Amino acid sequence: MTSEIDLAAIDAERERLRTTYLRSPRERPASSARGLHHFAVVCSDVEATIRFYQELLEFPLTEIFENRDYKGSNHFFFDIGNNNLLAFFDFPGLGVGPYAEVLGGLHHIAISVEPEKWERLKGKLREAGVDYQEESGTSIYFRDPDGARLELIADPLGEMYGTSVL
């Protein structure tokens, strides 16, 4: 039996969290972080992953070497702009299961691209037969070869659908 969602209670809780924790840009302290070094995802096929991210999405492969945590595994990186990297591991022989959305797990990776590149990449996805869902005229959601959900968003970094989020 599914429980009914109390949207008014959810809205009230969101407003409580905003009031309690959200600070204006002038009141907000600087982050302790310099930026995202890399985001690591597990893949099943190194070459298929390289073809998808480098050839289809146009994210250049920048390096590949053995994973220090698991001998025989590859650790490889793609440039996603602004000195940020998307990294992958393969874990041969470990029998890693398929992608799943779980609490604490990945829902999607949103990557900002210029509007004209967004249009070109949308066309490339269509031509390659990759199913995608377009939202709000600025976001495309789709899955990589292993099922990880990606979003290409034409909004600038720090903005989402006309709202400053940074």
N, C-alpha and C. Protein backbone atom coordinates (compact mmCIF):
# COMPACT_ATOMS: atom_id res chain seq x y z
N MET A 1 0.85 -1.18 0.00
CA MET A 1 0.00 0.00 0.00
C MET A 1 0.89 1.24 0.00
N THR A 2 0.64 2.14 -0.90
CA THR A 2 1.44 3.37 -0.95
C THR A 2 0.77 4.44 -0.13
N SER A 3 1.58 5.23 0.54
CA SER A 3 1.03 6.32 1.34
C SER A 3 0.87 7.54 0.48
N GLU A 4 -0.10 8.36 0.79
CA GLU A 4 -0.33 9.59 0.06
C GLU A 4 0.70 10.63 0.47
N ILE A 5 1.17 11.38 -0.48
CA ILE A 5 2.17 12.41 -0.21
C ILE A 5 1.45 13.68 0.21
N ASP A 6 1.88 14.25 1.33
CA ASP A 6 1.30 15.50 1.84
C ASP A 6 2.15 16.65 1.29
N LEU A 7 1.74 17.18 0.13
CA LEU A 7 2.52 18.22 -0.53
C LEU A 7 2.64 19.49 0.32
N ALA A 8 1.58 19.83 1.06
CA ALA A 8 1.65 21.02 1.91
C ALA A 8 2.71 20.84 2.99
N ALA A 9 2.81 19.65 3.55
CA ALA A 9 3.83 19.39 4.58
C ALA A 9 5.23 19.43 3.97
N ILE A 10 5.37 18.91 2.76
CA ILE A 10 6.67 18.94 2.09
C ILE A 10 7.08 20.37 1.80
N ASP A 11 6.14 21.18 1.31
CA ASP A 11 6.43 22.60 1.05
C ASP A 11 6.80 23.33 2.34
N ALA A 12 6.09 23.04 3.42
CA ALA A 12 6.37 23.69 4.70
C ALA A 12 7.76 23.29 5.20
N GLU A 13 8.13 22.03 5.03
CA GLU A 13 9.45 21.57 5.48
C GLU A 13 10.55 22.21 4.62
N ARG A 14 10.32 22.33 3.31
CA ARG A 14 11.29 22.99 2.44
C ARG A 14 11.49 24.45 2.89
N GLU A 15 10.41 25.13 3.21
CA GLU A 15 10.51 26.53 3.65
C GLU A 15 11.23 26.62 4.99
N ARG A 16 10.98 25.66 5.89
CA ARG A 16 11.69 25.64 7.18
C ARG A 16 13.19 25.47 6.96
N LEU A 17 13.57 24.56 6.06
CA LEU A 17 14.98 24.35 5.77
C LEU A 17 15.61 25.59 5.16
N ARG A 18 14.91 26.23 4.22
CA ARG A 18 15.42 27.47 3.61
C ARG A 18 15.64 28.54 4.67
N THR A 19 14.67 28.72 5.54
CA THR A 19 14.75 29.75 6.58
C THR A 19 15.88 29.44 7.57
N THR A 20 16.03 28.18 7.90
CA THR A 20 17.03 27.77 8.90
C THR A 20 18.45 27.81 8.34
N TYR A 21 18.66 27.36 7.11
CA TYR A 21 20.02 27.13 6.62
C TYR A 21 20.49 28.00 5.45
N LEU A 22 19.58 28.49 4.63
CA LEU A 22 20.00 29.23 3.45
C LEU A 22 20.41 30.64 3.81
N ARG A 23 21.58 31.05 3.33
CA ARG A 23 22.10 32.39 3.59
C ARG A 23 22.16 33.17 2.29
N SER A 24 22.00 34.47 2.38
CA SER A 24 22.12 35.31 1.19
C SER A 24 23.58 35.27 0.73
N PRO A 25 23.83 35.58 -0.54
CA PRO A 25 25.23 35.56 -1.01
C PRO A 25 26.17 36.41 -0.16
N ARG A 26 25.72 37.53 0.35
CA ARG A 26 26.60 38.37 1.18
C ARG A 26 26.87 37.75 2.55
N GLU A 27 25.93 36.98 3.06
CA GLU A 27 26.10 36.35 4.38
C GLU A 27 26.76 34.98 4.29
N ARG A 28 26.78 34.40 3.12
CA ARG A 28 27.27 33.04 2.93
C ARG A 28 28.79 33.01 3.00
N PRO A 29 29.36 32.13 3.83
CA PRO A 29 30.83 32.04 3.88
C PRO A 29 31.37 31.40 2.61
N ALA A 30 32.64 31.64 2.33
CA ALA A 30 33.30 31.00 1.20
C ALA A 30 33.39 29.50 1.46
N SER A 31 33.32 28.73 0.42
CA SER A 31 33.44 27.28 0.53
C SER A 31 34.86 26.90 0.92
N SER A 32 35.00 25.81 1.63
CA SER A 32 36.33 25.29 1.95
C SER A 32 36.95 24.56 0.76
N ALA A 33 36.13 24.26 -0.26
CA ALA A 33 36.61 23.51 -1.43
C ALA A 33 37.13 24.43 -2.52
N ARG A 34 38.07 23.92 -3.32
CA ARG A 34 38.55 24.65 -4.49
C ARG A 34 37.68 24.36 -5.71
N GLY A 35 37.01 23.23 -5.72
CA GLY A 35 36.17 22.83 -6.84
C GLY A 35 36.11 21.31 -6.92
N LEU A 36 35.37 20.82 -7.90
CA LEU A 36 35.24 19.38 -8.10
C LEU A 36 36.47 18.88 -8.82
N HIS A 37 37.26 18.04 -8.17
CA HIS A 37 38.45 17.47 -8.82
C HIS A 37 38.01 16.45 -9.85
N HIS A 38 37.27 15.45 -9.42
CA HIS A 38 36.65 14.51 -10.34
C HIS A 38 35.50 13.81 -9.65
N PHE A 39 34.63 13.32 -10.45
CA PHE A 39 33.48 12.53 -10.02
C PHE A 39 33.70 11.16 -10.63
N ALA A 40 33.71 10.10 -9.83
CA ALA A 40 34.06 8.77 -10.33
C ALA A 40 32.83 7.88 -10.43
N VAL A 41 32.71 7.19 -11.56
CA VAL A 41 31.61 6.29 -11.86
C VAL A 41 32.20 4.96 -12.29
N VAL A 42 31.50 3.87 -12.03
CA VAL A 42 31.96 2.54 -12.42
C VAL A 42 31.37 2.20 -13.79
N CYS A 43 32.21 1.63 -14.65
CA CYS A 43 31.74 1.22 -15.98
C CYS A 43 32.06 -0.25 -16.21
N SER A 44 31.37 -0.83 -17.19
CA SER A 44 31.60 -2.24 -17.50
C SER A 44 32.55 -2.45 -18.67
N ASP A 45 32.68 -1.45 -19.54
CA ASP A 45 33.47 -1.60 -20.76
C ASP A 45 34.22 -0.29 -21.02
N VAL A 46 35.52 -0.31 -20.84
CA VAL A 46 36.33 0.90 -20.96
C VAL A 46 36.20 1.51 -22.36
N GLU A 47 36.34 0.70 -23.39
CA GLU A 47 36.31 1.25 -24.74
C GLU A 47 34.94 1.82 -25.10
N ALA A 48 33.87 1.14 -24.73
CA ALA A 48 32.52 1.66 -25.00
C ALA A 48 32.30 2.98 -24.26
N THR A 49 32.83 3.08 -23.06
CA THR A 49 32.71 4.31 -22.28
C THR A 49 33.49 5.44 -22.95
N ILE A 50 34.70 5.14 -23.41
CA ILE A 50 35.49 6.16 -24.10
C ILE A 50 34.77 6.62 -25.37
N ARG A 51 34.27 5.68 -26.15
CA ARG A 51 33.56 6.06 -27.38
C ARG A 51 32.35 6.94 -27.07
N PHE A 52 31.60 6.60 -26.03
CA PHE A 52 30.40 7.35 -25.70
C PHE A 52 30.74 8.77 -25.24
N TYR A 53 31.65 8.88 -24.30
CA TYR A 53 31.95 10.19 -23.71
C TYR A 53 32.83 11.06 -24.61
N GLN A 54 33.81 10.46 -25.27
CA GLN A 54 34.71 11.26 -26.10
C GLN A 54 34.15 11.51 -27.50
N GLU A 55 33.65 10.47 -28.14
CA GLU A 55 33.19 10.63 -29.51
C GLU A 55 31.78 11.19 -29.62
N LEU A 56 30.87 10.70 -28.79
CA LEU A 56 29.49 11.18 -28.88
C LEU A 56 29.30 12.50 -28.15
N LEU A 57 29.74 12.58 -26.90
CA LEU A 57 29.51 13.78 -26.09
C LEU A 57 30.62 14.83 -26.23
N GLU A 58 31.72 14.46 -26.87
CA GLU A 58 32.82 15.40 -27.12
C GLU A 58 33.53 15.86 -25.85
N PHE A 59 33.67 14.96 -24.87
CA PHE A 59 34.45 15.21 -23.67
C PHE A 59 35.79 14.50 -23.86
N PRO A 60 36.87 15.22 -24.08
CA PRO A 60 38.16 14.59 -24.38
C PRO A 60 38.68 13.70 -23.24
N LEU A 61 39.16 12.53 -23.62
CA LEU A 61 39.86 11.65 -22.69
C LEU A 61 41.19 12.31 -22.36
N THR A 62 41.49 12.46 -21.06
CA THR A 62 42.71 13.16 -20.68
C THR A 62 43.79 12.24 -20.12
N GLU A 63 43.41 11.09 -19.56
CA GLU A 63 44.42 10.18 -19.00
C GLU A 63 43.76 8.85 -18.69
N ILE A 64 44.57 7.80 -18.71
CA ILE A 64 44.14 6.47 -18.30
C ILE A 64 45.33 5.77 -17.66
N PHE A 65 45.13 5.21 -16.47
CA PHE A 65 46.19 4.47 -15.78
C PHE A 65 45.54 3.44 -14.86
N GLU A 66 46.39 2.61 -14.25
CA GLU A 66 45.86 1.56 -13.37
C GLU A 66 45.30 2.18 -12.09
N ASN A 67 44.18 1.69 -11.67
CA ASN A 67 43.54 2.12 -10.43
C ASN A 67 44.41 1.67 -9.26
N ARG A 68 44.77 2.60 -8.39
CA ARG A 68 45.65 2.26 -7.27
C ARG A 68 44.97 1.35 -6.25
N ASP A 69 43.64 1.33 -6.24
CA ASP A 69 42.91 0.54 -5.24
C ASP A 69 42.60 -0.89 -5.67
N TYR A 70 42.74 -1.17 -6.98
CA TYR A 70 42.38 -2.49 -7.47
C TYR A 70 43.24 -2.82 -8.69
N LYS A 71 44.22 -3.69 -8.52
CA LYS A 71 45.13 -4.05 -9.61
C LYS A 71 44.33 -4.63 -10.78
N GLY A 72 44.71 -4.20 -11.98
CA GLY A 72 44.03 -4.66 -13.19
C GLY A 72 42.86 -3.79 -13.60
N SER A 73 42.49 -2.86 -12.74
CA SER A 73 41.39 -1.94 -13.03
C SER A 73 41.94 -0.66 -13.63
N ASN A 74 41.19 -0.07 -14.51
CA ASN A 74 41.56 1.21 -15.12
C ASN A 74 40.90 2.38 -14.40
N HIS A 75 41.62 3.48 -14.34
CA HIS A 75 41.08 4.75 -13.83
C HIS A 75 41.32 5.74 -14.96
N PHE A 76 40.24 6.29 -15.52
CA PHE A 76 40.42 7.18 -16.66
C PHE A 76 39.50 8.39 -16.55
N PHE A 77 39.90 9.46 -17.23
CA PHE A 77 39.33 10.78 -16.99
C PHE A 77 38.91 11.46 -18.29
N PHE A 78 37.80 12.23 -18.20
CA PHE A 78 37.33 13.05 -19.31
C PHE A 78 37.24 14.49 -18.85
N ASP A 79 37.63 15.40 -19.72
CA ASP A 79 37.55 16.84 -19.46
C ASP A 79 36.10 17.28 -19.69
N ILE A 80 35.45 17.79 -18.64
CA ILE A 80 34.09 18.31 -18.79
C ILE A 80 34.06 19.83 -18.62
N GLY A 81 35.21 20.45 -18.84
CA GLY A 81 35.30 21.91 -18.83
C GLY A 81 35.55 22.50 -17.45
N ASN A 82 36.02 23.75 -17.47
CA ASN A 82 36.22 24.52 -16.24
C ASN A 82 37.13 23.81 -15.23
N ASN A 83 38.12 23.06 -15.74
CA ASN A 83 39.05 22.30 -14.90
C ASN A 83 38.37 21.23 -14.06
N ASN A 84 37.27 20.67 -14.57
CA ASN A 84 36.56 19.59 -13.90
C ASN A 84 36.68 18.31 -14.71
N LEU A 85 36.70 17.19 -14.00
CA LEU A 85 36.88 15.89 -14.65
C LEU A 85 35.76 14.93 -14.27
N LEU A 86 35.39 14.11 -15.23
CA LEU A 86 34.50 12.97 -14.98
C LEU A 86 35.39 11.74 -15.12
N ALA A 87 35.45 10.92 -14.08
CA ALA A 87 36.35 9.77 -14.06
C ALA A 87 35.55 8.47 -14.04
N PHE A 88 36.20 7.41 -14.47
CA PHE A 88 35.59 6.08 -14.48
C PHE A 88 36.59 5.07 -13.97
N PHE A 89 36.05 4.00 -13.38
CA PHE A 89 36.78 2.80 -13.02
C PHE A 89 36.09 1.64 -13.75
N ASP A 90 36.86 0.64 -14.10
CA ASP A 90 36.26 -0.66 -14.41
C ASP A 90 36.80 -1.60 -13.33
N PHE A 91 36.06 -2.58 -12.97
CA PHE A 91 36.48 -3.52 -11.94
C PHE A 91 36.37 -4.94 -12.49
N PRO A 92 37.28 -5.31 -13.41
CA PRO A 92 37.19 -6.64 -14.01
C PRO A 92 37.29 -7.74 -12.96
N GLY A 93 36.40 -8.72 -13.10
CA GLY A 93 36.42 -9.87 -12.20
C GLY A 93 35.64 -9.69 -10.92
N LEU A 94 35.12 -8.49 -10.65
CA LEU A 94 34.40 -8.28 -9.40
C LEU A 94 32.89 -8.54 -9.52
N GLY A 95 32.40 -8.69 -10.72
CA GLY A 95 30.97 -8.97 -10.89
C GLY A 95 30.09 -7.83 -10.40
N VAL A 96 30.51 -6.59 -10.67
CA VAL A 96 29.74 -5.42 -10.24
C VAL A 96 28.39 -5.45 -10.93
N GLY A 97 27.33 -5.22 -10.17
CA GLY A 97 25.97 -5.26 -10.71
C GLY A 97 25.64 -4.04 -11.54
N PRO A 98 24.46 -4.05 -12.15
CA PRO A 98 24.03 -2.93 -12.99
C PRO A 98 23.72 -1.69 -12.17
N TYR A 99 23.69 -0.56 -12.87
CA TYR A 99 23.36 0.72 -12.25
C TYR A 99 22.02 0.63 -11.52
N ALA A 100 21.94 1.25 -10.37
CA ALA A 100 20.68 1.32 -9.62
C ALA A 100 20.64 2.63 -8.85
N GLU A 101 19.46 3.23 -8.80
CA GLU A 101 19.28 4.43 -7.98
C GLU A 101 18.95 3.96 -6.57
N VAL A 102 19.81 4.32 -5.64
CA VAL A 102 19.63 3.94 -4.25
C VAL A 102 19.91 5.15 -3.38
N LEU A 103 19.43 5.14 -2.16
CA LEU A 103 19.73 6.23 -1.25
C LEU A 103 21.23 6.37 -1.11
N GLY A 104 21.71 7.59 -1.24
CA GLY A 104 23.14 7.85 -1.18
C GLY A 104 23.84 7.60 -2.49
N GLY A 105 23.12 7.13 -3.51
CA GLY A 105 23.72 6.83 -4.81
C GLY A 105 23.49 7.95 -5.80
N LEU A 106 23.92 7.71 -7.00
CA LEU A 106 23.84 8.68 -8.08
C LEU A 106 22.42 8.75 -8.64
N HIS A 107 21.87 9.95 -8.75
CA HIS A 107 20.63 10.14 -9.50
C HIS A 107 20.96 10.57 -10.91
N HIS A 108 21.73 11.65 -11.07
CA HIS A 108 22.21 12.05 -12.39
C HIS A 108 23.38 13.01 -12.23
N ILE A 109 24.12 13.14 -13.32
CA ILE A 109 25.23 14.08 -13.40
C ILE A 109 24.81 15.15 -14.39
N ALA A 110 24.74 16.40 -13.96
CA ALA A 110 24.34 17.51 -14.83
C ALA A 110 25.59 18.25 -15.29
N ILE A 111 25.75 18.36 -16.60
CA ILE A 111 26.92 19.01 -17.18
C ILE A 111 26.45 20.16 -18.06
N SER A 112 26.95 21.36 -17.77
CA SER A 112 26.57 22.56 -18.51
C SER A 112 27.33 22.61 -19.83
N VAL A 113 26.59 22.91 -20.91
CA VAL A 113 27.20 23.12 -22.22
C VAL A 113 26.58 24.38 -22.83
N GLU A 114 27.33 25.03 -23.70
CA GLU A 114 26.83 26.22 -24.39
C GLU A 114 25.59 25.84 -25.22
N PRO A 115 24.62 26.75 -25.34
CA PRO A 115 23.38 26.42 -26.06
C PRO A 115 23.58 25.85 -27.46
N GLU A 116 24.51 26.38 -28.25
CA GLU A 116 24.71 25.84 -29.59
C GLU A 116 25.32 24.44 -29.56
N LYS A 117 26.16 24.15 -28.57
CA LYS A 117 26.71 22.80 -28.40
C LYS A 117 25.62 21.85 -27.91
N TRP A 118 24.72 22.37 -27.06
CA TRP A 118 23.59 21.58 -26.56
C TRP A 118 22.75 21.09 -27.73
N GLU A 119 22.46 21.98 -28.67
CA GLU A 119 21.67 21.61 -29.86
C GLU A 119 22.41 20.57 -30.69
N ARG A 120 23.72 20.76 -30.91
CA ARG A 120 24.51 19.81 -31.69
C ARG A 120 24.54 18.44 -31.01
N LEU A 121 24.77 18.44 -29.70
CA LEU A 121 24.85 17.17 -28.98
C LEU A 121 23.49 16.47 -28.95
N LYS A 122 22.42 17.22 -28.84
CA LYS A 122 21.08 16.63 -28.90
C LYS A 122 20.90 15.91 -30.24
N GLY A 123 21.34 16.56 -31.33
CA GLY A 123 21.27 15.93 -32.64
C GLY A 123 22.11 14.67 -32.73
N LYS A 124 23.31 14.70 -32.14
CA LYS A 124 24.17 13.53 -32.15
C LYS A 124 23.54 12.38 -31.36
N LEU A 125 22.92 12.69 -30.22
CA LEU A 125 22.24 11.66 -29.44
C LEU A 125 21.12 11.03 -30.27
N ARG A 126 20.33 11.86 -30.93
CA ARG A 126 19.22 11.38 -31.76
C ARG A 126 19.76 10.48 -32.87
N GLU A 127 20.81 10.96 -33.59
CA GLU A 127 21.39 10.18 -34.68
C GLU A 127 21.97 8.85 -34.20
N ALA A 128 22.50 8.82 -32.99
CA ALA A 128 23.08 7.60 -32.43
C ALA A 128 22.03 6.67 -31.85
N GLY A 129 20.77 7.11 -31.84
CA GLY A 129 19.70 6.27 -31.30
C GLY A 129 19.64 6.23 -29.79
N VAL A 130 20.22 7.23 -29.14
CA VAL A 130 20.18 7.29 -27.67
C VAL A 130 18.87 7.95 -27.26
N ASP A 131 18.07 7.23 -26.50
CA ASP A 131 16.81 7.80 -26.01
C ASP A 131 17.11 8.93 -25.04
N TYR A 132 16.38 10.02 -25.17
CA TYR A 132 16.55 11.13 -24.25
C TYR A 132 15.21 11.78 -24.00
N GLN A 133 15.17 12.53 -22.91
CA GLN A 133 13.98 13.29 -22.54
C GLN A 133 14.41 14.74 -22.43
N GLU A 134 13.72 15.62 -23.14
CA GLU A 134 14.02 17.04 -23.09
C GLU A 134 13.07 17.70 -22.11
N GLU A 135 13.61 18.56 -21.25
CA GLU A 135 12.82 19.28 -20.25
C GLU A 135 13.12 20.77 -20.32
N SER A 136 12.10 21.59 -20.27
CA SER A 136 12.21 23.05 -20.16
C SER A 136 13.01 23.71 -21.27
N GLY A 137 13.26 23.02 -22.36
CA GLY A 137 14.00 23.60 -23.47
C GLY A 137 15.47 23.83 -23.21
N THR A 138 15.96 23.41 -22.04
CA THR A 138 17.38 23.60 -21.74
C THR A 138 18.05 22.35 -21.17
N SER A 139 17.29 21.30 -20.91
CA SER A 139 17.87 20.09 -20.32
C SER A 139 17.52 18.86 -21.16
N ILE A 140 18.49 18.00 -21.31
CA ILE A 140 18.30 16.70 -21.95
C ILE A 140 18.78 15.65 -20.95
N TYR A 141 17.92 14.68 -20.64
CA TYR A 141 18.27 13.57 -19.76
C TYR A 141 18.38 12.30 -20.59
N PHE A 142 19.43 11.52 -20.33
CA PHE A 142 19.65 10.27 -21.05
C PHE A 142 20.57 9.40 -20.22
N ARG A 143 20.79 8.18 -20.67
CA ARG A 143 21.64 7.24 -19.93
C ARG A 143 22.88 6.87 -20.75
N ASP A 144 23.97 6.65 -20.02
CA ASP A 144 25.20 6.21 -20.67
C ASP A 144 25.13 4.70 -20.92
N PRO A 145 26.16 4.09 -21.51
CA PRO A 145 26.09 2.66 -21.83
C PRO A 145 25.83 1.75 -20.63
N ASP A 146 26.16 2.19 -19.43
CA ASP A 146 25.91 1.38 -18.24
C ASP A 146 24.67 1.80 -17.47
N GLY A 147 23.92 2.76 -17.99
CA GLY A 147 22.67 3.15 -17.36
C GLY A 147 22.74 4.35 -16.45
N ALA A 148 23.94 4.92 -16.23
CA ALA A 148 24.04 6.12 -15.40
C ALA A 148 23.30 7.26 -16.11
N ARG A 149 22.48 7.99 -15.36
CA ARG A 149 21.69 9.07 -15.94
C ARG A 149 22.53 10.35 -16.00
N LEU A 150 22.49 10.98 -17.16
CA LEU A 150 23.21 12.23 -17.40
C LEU A 150 22.22 13.31 -17.80
N GLU A 151 22.59 14.54 -17.53
CA GLU A 151 21.83 15.70 -18.00
C GLU A 151 22.80 16.64 -18.68
N LEU A 152 22.49 17.04 -19.90
CA LEU A 152 23.18 18.15 -20.54
C LEU A 152 22.26 19.34 -20.37
N ILE A 153 22.77 20.39 -19.76
CA ILE A 153 21.96 21.57 -19.47
C ILE A 153 22.59 22.78 -20.15
N ALA A 154 21.75 23.53 -20.87
CA ALA A 154 22.24 24.69 -21.60
C ALA A 154 22.33 25.93 -20.73
N ASP A 155 21.87 25.85 -19.50
CA ASP A 155 21.99 26.98 -18.58
C ASP A 155 23.45 27.16 -18.18
N PRO A 156 23.86 28.41 -17.91
CA PRO A 156 25.23 28.65 -17.46
C PRO A 156 25.50 28.00 -16.09
N LEU A 157 26.76 27.78 -15.80
CA LEU A 157 27.14 27.31 -14.47
C LEU A 157 26.60 28.29 -13.44
N GLY A 158 26.07 27.78 -12.35
CA GLY A 158 25.54 28.64 -11.29
C GLY A 158 24.11 29.09 -11.50
N GLU A 159 23.48 28.67 -12.60
CA GLU A 159 22.08 29.01 -12.86
C GLU A 159 21.30 27.75 -13.20
N MET A 160 20.01 27.77 -12.88
CA MET A 160 19.14 26.67 -13.26
C MET A 160 17.77 27.23 -13.55
N TYR A 161 17.36 27.12 -14.82
CA TYR A 161 16.06 27.56 -15.27
C TYR A 161 15.79 29.01 -14.89
N GLY A 162 16.83 29.85 -15.05
CA GLY A 162 16.69 31.29 -14.78
C GLY A 162 16.88 31.70 -13.34
N THR A 163 17.14 30.75 -12.46
CA THR A 163 17.36 31.04 -11.05
C THR A 163 18.84 30.87 -10.73
N SER A 164 19.42 31.86 -10.06
CA SER A 164 20.80 31.74 -9.61
C SER A 164 20.84 30.73 -8.46
N VAL A 165 21.69 29.71 -8.59
CA VAL A 165 21.83 28.70 -7.53
C VAL A 165 23.21 28.77 -6.89
N LEU A 166 23.96 29.78 -7.24
CA LEU A 166 25.30 29.92 -6.67
C LEU A 166 25.46 31.33 -6.14
